[in-house]
């Protein structure tokens, strides 16, 4: 069964983001760098072709890498009120959560010498801050 938003238009937006972010190999490397997720170009191809299930988390991460947010914009169009404000509110909450995870991870690294948590939380916080800043710049410039 296809979910309500799993459509050719959604897959086309996903394909456009992959192209904008540097195509398959660059996207796979960027996803690995920012999330630690291991994947192949085949995953992207299957999502684009409709052979694979649409991966919302991957799509949102891809938007952040590309610095464009067409999928979120489409979804936010359904939210009553100002969709840009609603999207920025959600992004702000996520950013605060990710930044809040840095302190405990840093203390854990200092206390134990194990940087595993910091290696995970650091890139996530940087990605969240980068996305929030890009969204803010884009909103100021009228791209939303």
C-alpha atoms as a PDB file:
ATOM      1  CA  UNK A   1       0.000   0.000   0.000  1.00  0.00           C
ATOM      2  CA  UNK A   2       1.290   3.450  -0.904  1.00  0.00           C
ATOM      3  CA  UNK A   3       1.126   6.085   1.810  1.00  0.00           C
ATOM      4  CA  UNK A   4      -0.727   9.273   0.966  1.00  0.00           C
ATOM      5  CA  UNK A   5       2.399  11.234   0.112  1.00  0.00           C
ATOM      6  CA  UNK A   6       4.318   8.472  -1.633  1.00  0.00           C
ATOM      7  CA  UNK A   7       3.815   9.747  -5.143  1.00  0.00           C
ATOM      8  CA  UNK A   8       5.691  10.447  -8.329  1.00  0.00           C
ATOM      9  CA  UNK A   9       5.791  14.144  -7.406  1.00  0.00           C
ATOM     10  CA  UNK A  10       7.412  13.375  -4.059  1.00  0.00           C
ATOM     11  CA  UNK A  11       9.955  11.076  -5.706  1.00  0.00           C
ATOM     12  CA  UNK A  12      10.694  13.820  -8.260  1.00  0.00           C
ATOM     13  CA  UNK A  13      11.386  16.285  -5.433  1.00  0.00           C
ATOM     14  CA  UNK A  14      13.670  13.708  -3.839  1.00  0.00           C
ATOM     15  CA  UNK A  15      15.495  13.190  -7.163  1.00  0.00           C
ATOM     16  CA  UNK A  16      15.918  16.944  -7.550  1.00  0.00           C
ATOM     17  CA  UNK A  17      17.430  17.176  -4.067  1.00  0.00           C
ATOM     18  CA  UNK A  18      19.863  14.355  -4.887  1.00  0.00           C
ATOM     19  CA  UNK A  19      20.948  16.243  -8.025  1.00  0.00           C
ATOM     20  CA  UNK A  20      21.228  19.555  -6.174  1.00  0.00           C
ATOM     21  CA  UNK A  21      23.293  17.961  -3.385  1.00  0.00           C
ATOM     22  CA  UNK A  22      25.895  16.613  -5.817  1.00  0.00           C
ATOM     23  CA  UNK A  23      24.371  13.360  -7.092  1.00  0.00           C
ATOM     24  CA  UNK A  24      24.639   9.808  -5.744  1.00  0.00           C
ATOM     25  CA  UNK A  25      28.210   9.381  -4.471  1.00  0.00           C
ATOM     26  CA  UNK A  26      28.323  12.846  -2.894  1.00  0.00           C
ATOM     27  CA  UNK A  27      24.958  12.350  -1.233  1.00  0.00           C
ATOM     28  CA  UNK A  28      25.927   8.944   0.148  1.00  0.00           C
ATOM     29  CA  UNK A  29      29.147  10.449   1.550  1.00  0.00           C
ATOM     30  CA  UNK A  30      27.316  13.442   3.047  1.00  0.00           C
ATOM     31  CA  UNK A  31      24.708  11.223   4.700  1.00  0.00           C
ATOM     32  CA  UNK A  32      27.443   9.014   6.132  1.00  0.00           C
ATOM     33  CA  UNK A  33      29.380  12.060   7.383  1.00  0.00           C
ATOM     34  CA  UNK A  34      26.420  13.819   8.985  1.00  0.00           C
ATOM     35  CA  UNK A  35      24.536  10.838  10.408  1.00  0.00           C
ATOM     36  CA  UNK A  36      26.889   7.870  10.395  1.00  0.00           C
ATOM     37  CA  UNK A  37      24.311   6.000   8.316  1.00  0.00           C
ATOM     38  CA  UNK A  38      25.753   3.516   5.850  1.00  0.00           C
ATOM     39  CA  UNK A  39      23.892   3.308   2.571  1.00  0.00           C
ATOM     40  CA  UNK A  40      24.495   2.905  -1.136  1.00  0.00           C
ATOM     41  CA  UNK A  41      23.547   4.818  -4.244  1.00  0.00           C
ATOM     42  CA  UNK A  42      21.118   1.983  -4.913  1.00  0.00           C
ATOM     43  CA  UNK A  43      19.032   3.113  -1.948  1.00  0.00           C
ATOM     44  CA  UNK A  44      18.634   6.533  -3.553  1.00  0.00           C
ATOM     45  CA  UNK A  45      17.797   4.974  -6.931  1.00  0.00           C
ATOM     46  CA  UNK A  46      15.148   2.693  -5.430  1.00  0.00           C
ATOM     47  CA  UNK A  47      13.460   5.575  -3.627  1.00  0.00           C
ATOM     48  CA  UNK A  48      13.499   7.703  -6.775  1.00  0.00           C
ATOM     49  CA  UNK A  49      12.111   4.896  -8.957  1.00  0.00           C
ATOM     50  CA  UNK A  50       9.461   3.882  -6.444  1.00  0.00           C
ATOM     51  CA  UNK A  51      10.949   0.402  -6.002  1.00  0.00           C
ATOM     52  CA  UNK A  52      11.908   1.242  -2.420  1.00  0.00           C
ATOM     53  CA  UNK A  53       9.797   2.657   0.365  1.00  0.00           C
ATOM     54  CA  UNK A  54      10.084   6.418   0.719  1.00  0.00           C
ATOM     55  CA  UNK A  55      12.469   7.235   3.585  1.00  0.00           C
ATOM     56  CA  UNK A  56      11.248  10.424   5.276  1.00  0.00           C
ATOM     57  CA  UNK A  57      14.265  10.748   7.571  1.00  0.00           C
ATOM     58  CA  UNK A  58      16.587  10.463   4.602  1.00  0.00           C
ATOM     59  CA  UNK A  59      14.521  13.008   2.659  1.00  0.00           C
ATOM     60  CA  UNK A  60      14.659  15.536   5.492  1.00  0.00           C
ATOM     61  CA  UNK A  61      18.407  14.994   5.921  1.00  0.00           C
ATOM     62  CA  UNK A  62      18.847  15.426   2.173  1.00  0.00           C
ATOM     63  CA  UNK A  63      16.957  18.725   2.337  1.00  0.00           C
ATOM     64  CA  UNK A  64      19.360  19.931   5.005  1.00  0.00           C
ATOM     65  CA  UNK A  65      22.377  18.885   2.942  1.00  0.00           C
ATOM     66  CA  UNK A  66      20.995  20.565  -0.176  1.00  0.00           C
ATOM     67  CA  UNK A  67      19.882  23.652   1.749  1.00  0.00           C
ATOM     68  CA  UNK A  68      16.462  23.460   0.056  1.00  0.00           C
ATOM     69  CA  UNK A  69      13.233  22.321   1.689  1.00  0.00           C
ATOM     70  CA  UNK A  70      10.627  21.467  -0.976  1.00  0.00           C
ATOM     71  CA  UNK A  71       9.300  18.367   0.791  1.00  0.00           C
ATOM     72  CA  UNK A  72       8.839  20.112   4.128  1.00  0.00           C
ATOM     73  CA  UNK A  73       7.302  23.068   2.334  1.00  0.00           C
ATOM     74  CA  UNK A  74       4.777  20.752   0.685  1.00  0.00           C
ATOM     75  CA  UNK A  75       3.950  19.141   4.027  1.00  0.00           C
ATOM     76  CA  UNK A  76       3.771  22.465   5.838  1.00  0.00           C
ATOM     77  CA  UNK A  77       1.248  23.758   3.302  1.00  0.00           C
ATOM     78  CA  UNK A  78      -1.245  21.561   5.155  1.00  0.00           C
ATOM     79  CA  UNK A  79      -0.546  23.285   8.493  1.00  0.00           C
ATOM     80  CA  UNK A  80      -2.968  26.088   9.318  1.00  0.00           C
ATOM     81  CA  UNK A  81      -1.393  29.467   9.908  1.00  0.00           C
ATOM     82  CA  UNK A  82       2.037  30.521   8.747  1.00  0.00           C
ATOM     83  CA  UNK A  83       3.805  27.401   7.456  1.00  0.00           C
ATOM     84  CA  UNK A  84       7.213  29.104   7.481  1.00  0.00           C
ATOM     85  CA  UNK A  85       6.863  29.976  11.163  1.00  0.00           C
ATOM     86  CA  UNK A  86       5.629  26.470  11.962  1.00  0.00           C
ATOM     87  CA  UNK A  87       8.575  24.948  10.111  1.00  0.00           C
ATOM     88  CA  UNK A  88      11.041  27.292  11.790  1.00  0.00           C
ATOM     89  CA  UNK A  89       9.505  26.490  15.195  1.00  0.00           C
ATOM     90  CA  UNK A  90      10.011  22.767  14.572  1.00  0.00           C
ATOM     91  CA  UNK A  91      13.552  23.339  13.374  1.00  0.00           C
ATOM     92  CA  UNK A  92      14.321  25.502  16.420  1.00  0.00           C
ATOM     93  CA  UNK A  93      13.070  22.825  18.824  1.00  0.00           C
ATOM     94  CA  UNK A  94      15.102  20.125  17.064  1.00  0.00           C
ATOM     95  CA  UNK A  95      18.195  22.350  17.064  1.00  0.00           C
ATOM     96  CA  UNK A  96      17.873  23.063  20.794  1.00  0.00           C
ATOM     97  CA  UNK A  97      17.529  19.344  21.476  1.00  0.00           C
ATOM     98  CA  UNK A  98      20.613  18.483  19.439  1.00  0.00           C
ATOM     99  CA  UNK A  99      22.696  21.289  20.949  1.00  0.00           C
ATOM    100  CA  UNK A 100      21.529  20.235  24.421  1.00  0.00           C
ATOM    101  CA  UNK A 101      22.958  16.761  23.827  1.00  0.00           C
ATOM    102  CA  UNK A 102      26.491  18.123  23.371  1.00  0.00           C
ATOM    103  CA  UNK A 103      27.165  19.023  27.029  1.00  0.00           C
ATOM    104  CA  UNK A 104      26.525  15.581  28.476  1.00  0.00           C
ATOM    105  CA  UNK A 105      28.428  13.928  25.609  1.00  0.00           C
ATOM    106  CA  UNK A 106      31.394  16.228  26.171  1.00  0.00           C
ATOM    107  CA  UNK A 107      31.398  15.557  29.927  1.00  0.00           C
ATOM    108  CA  UNK A 108      31.213  11.825  29.259  1.00  0.00           C
ATOM    109  CA  UNK A 109      34.243  12.075  26.963  1.00  0.00           C
ATOM    110  CA  UNK A 110      36.209  14.038  29.576  1.00  0.00           C
ATOM    111  CA  UNK A 111      35.291  11.666  32.395  1.00  0.00           C
ATOM    112  CA  UNK A 112      35.693   8.349  30.608  1.00  0.00           C
ATOM    113  CA  UNK A 113      37.980   9.084  27.680  1.00  0.00           C
ATOM    114  CA  UNK A 114      35.360   7.462  25.427  1.00  0.00           C
ATOM    115  CA  UNK A 115      34.406   9.842  22.602  1.00  0.00           C
ATOM    116  CA  UNK A 116      31.669   7.626  21.146  1.00  0.00           C
ATOM    117  CA  UNK A 117      28.780   9.813  22.349  1.00  0.00           C
ATOM    118  CA  UNK A 118      30.556  13.018  21.363  1.00  0.00           C
ATOM    119  CA  UNK A 119      31.341  11.583  17.915  1.00  0.00           C
ATOM    120  CA  UNK A 120      27.604  10.963  17.487  1.00  0.00           C
ATOM    121  CA  UNK A 121      26.189  14.127  19.064  1.00  0.00           C
ATOM    122  CA  UNK A 122      28.701  16.622  17.650  1.00  0.00           C
ATOM    123  CA  UNK A 123      27.855  16.153  13.953  1.00  0.00           C
ATOM    124  CA  UNK A 124      24.135  16.008  14.745  1.00  0.00           C
ATOM    125  CA  UNK A 125      24.334  19.379  16.528  1.00  0.00           C
ATOM    126  CA  UNK A 126      26.379  20.913  13.711  1.00  0.00           C
ATOM    127  CA  UNK A 127      23.877  19.653  11.135  1.00  0.00           C
ATOM    128  CA  UNK A 128      20.937  21.030  13.125  1.00  0.00           C
ATOM    129  CA  UNK A 129      22.588  24.439  13.604  1.00  0.00           C
ATOM    130  CA  UNK A 130      23.580  24.596   9.933  1.00  0.00           C
ATOM    131  CA  UNK A 131      20.033  23.751   8.855  1.00  0.00           C
ATOM    132  CA  UNK A 132      18.522  26.359  11.182  1.00  0.00           C
ATOM    133  CA  UNK A 133      20.905  29.026   9.935  1.00  0.00           C
ATOM    134  CA  UNK A 134      20.265  28.120   6.293  1.00  0.00           C
ATOM    135  CA  UNK A 135      16.520  28.181   6.872  1.00  0.00           C
ATOM    136  CA  UNK A 136      16.766  31.573   8.569  1.00  0.00           C
ATOM    137  CA  UNK A 137      18.862  33.020   5.745  1.00  0.00           C
ATOM    138  CA  UNK A 138      16.493  31.631   3.162  1.00  0.00           C
ATOM    139  CA  UNK A 139      13.450  32.987   4.985  1.00  0.00           C
ATOM    140  CA  UNK A 140      15.038  36.443   5.254  1.00  0.00           C
ATOM    141  CA  UNK A 141      15.881  36.406   1.562  1.00  0.00           C
ATOM    142  CA  UNK A 142      12.315  35.492   0.643  1.00  0.00           C
ATOM    143  CA  UNK A 143      13.008  31.989  -0.656  1.00  0.00           C
ATOM    144  CA  UNK A 144      10.218  30.452   1.469  1.00  0.00           C
END
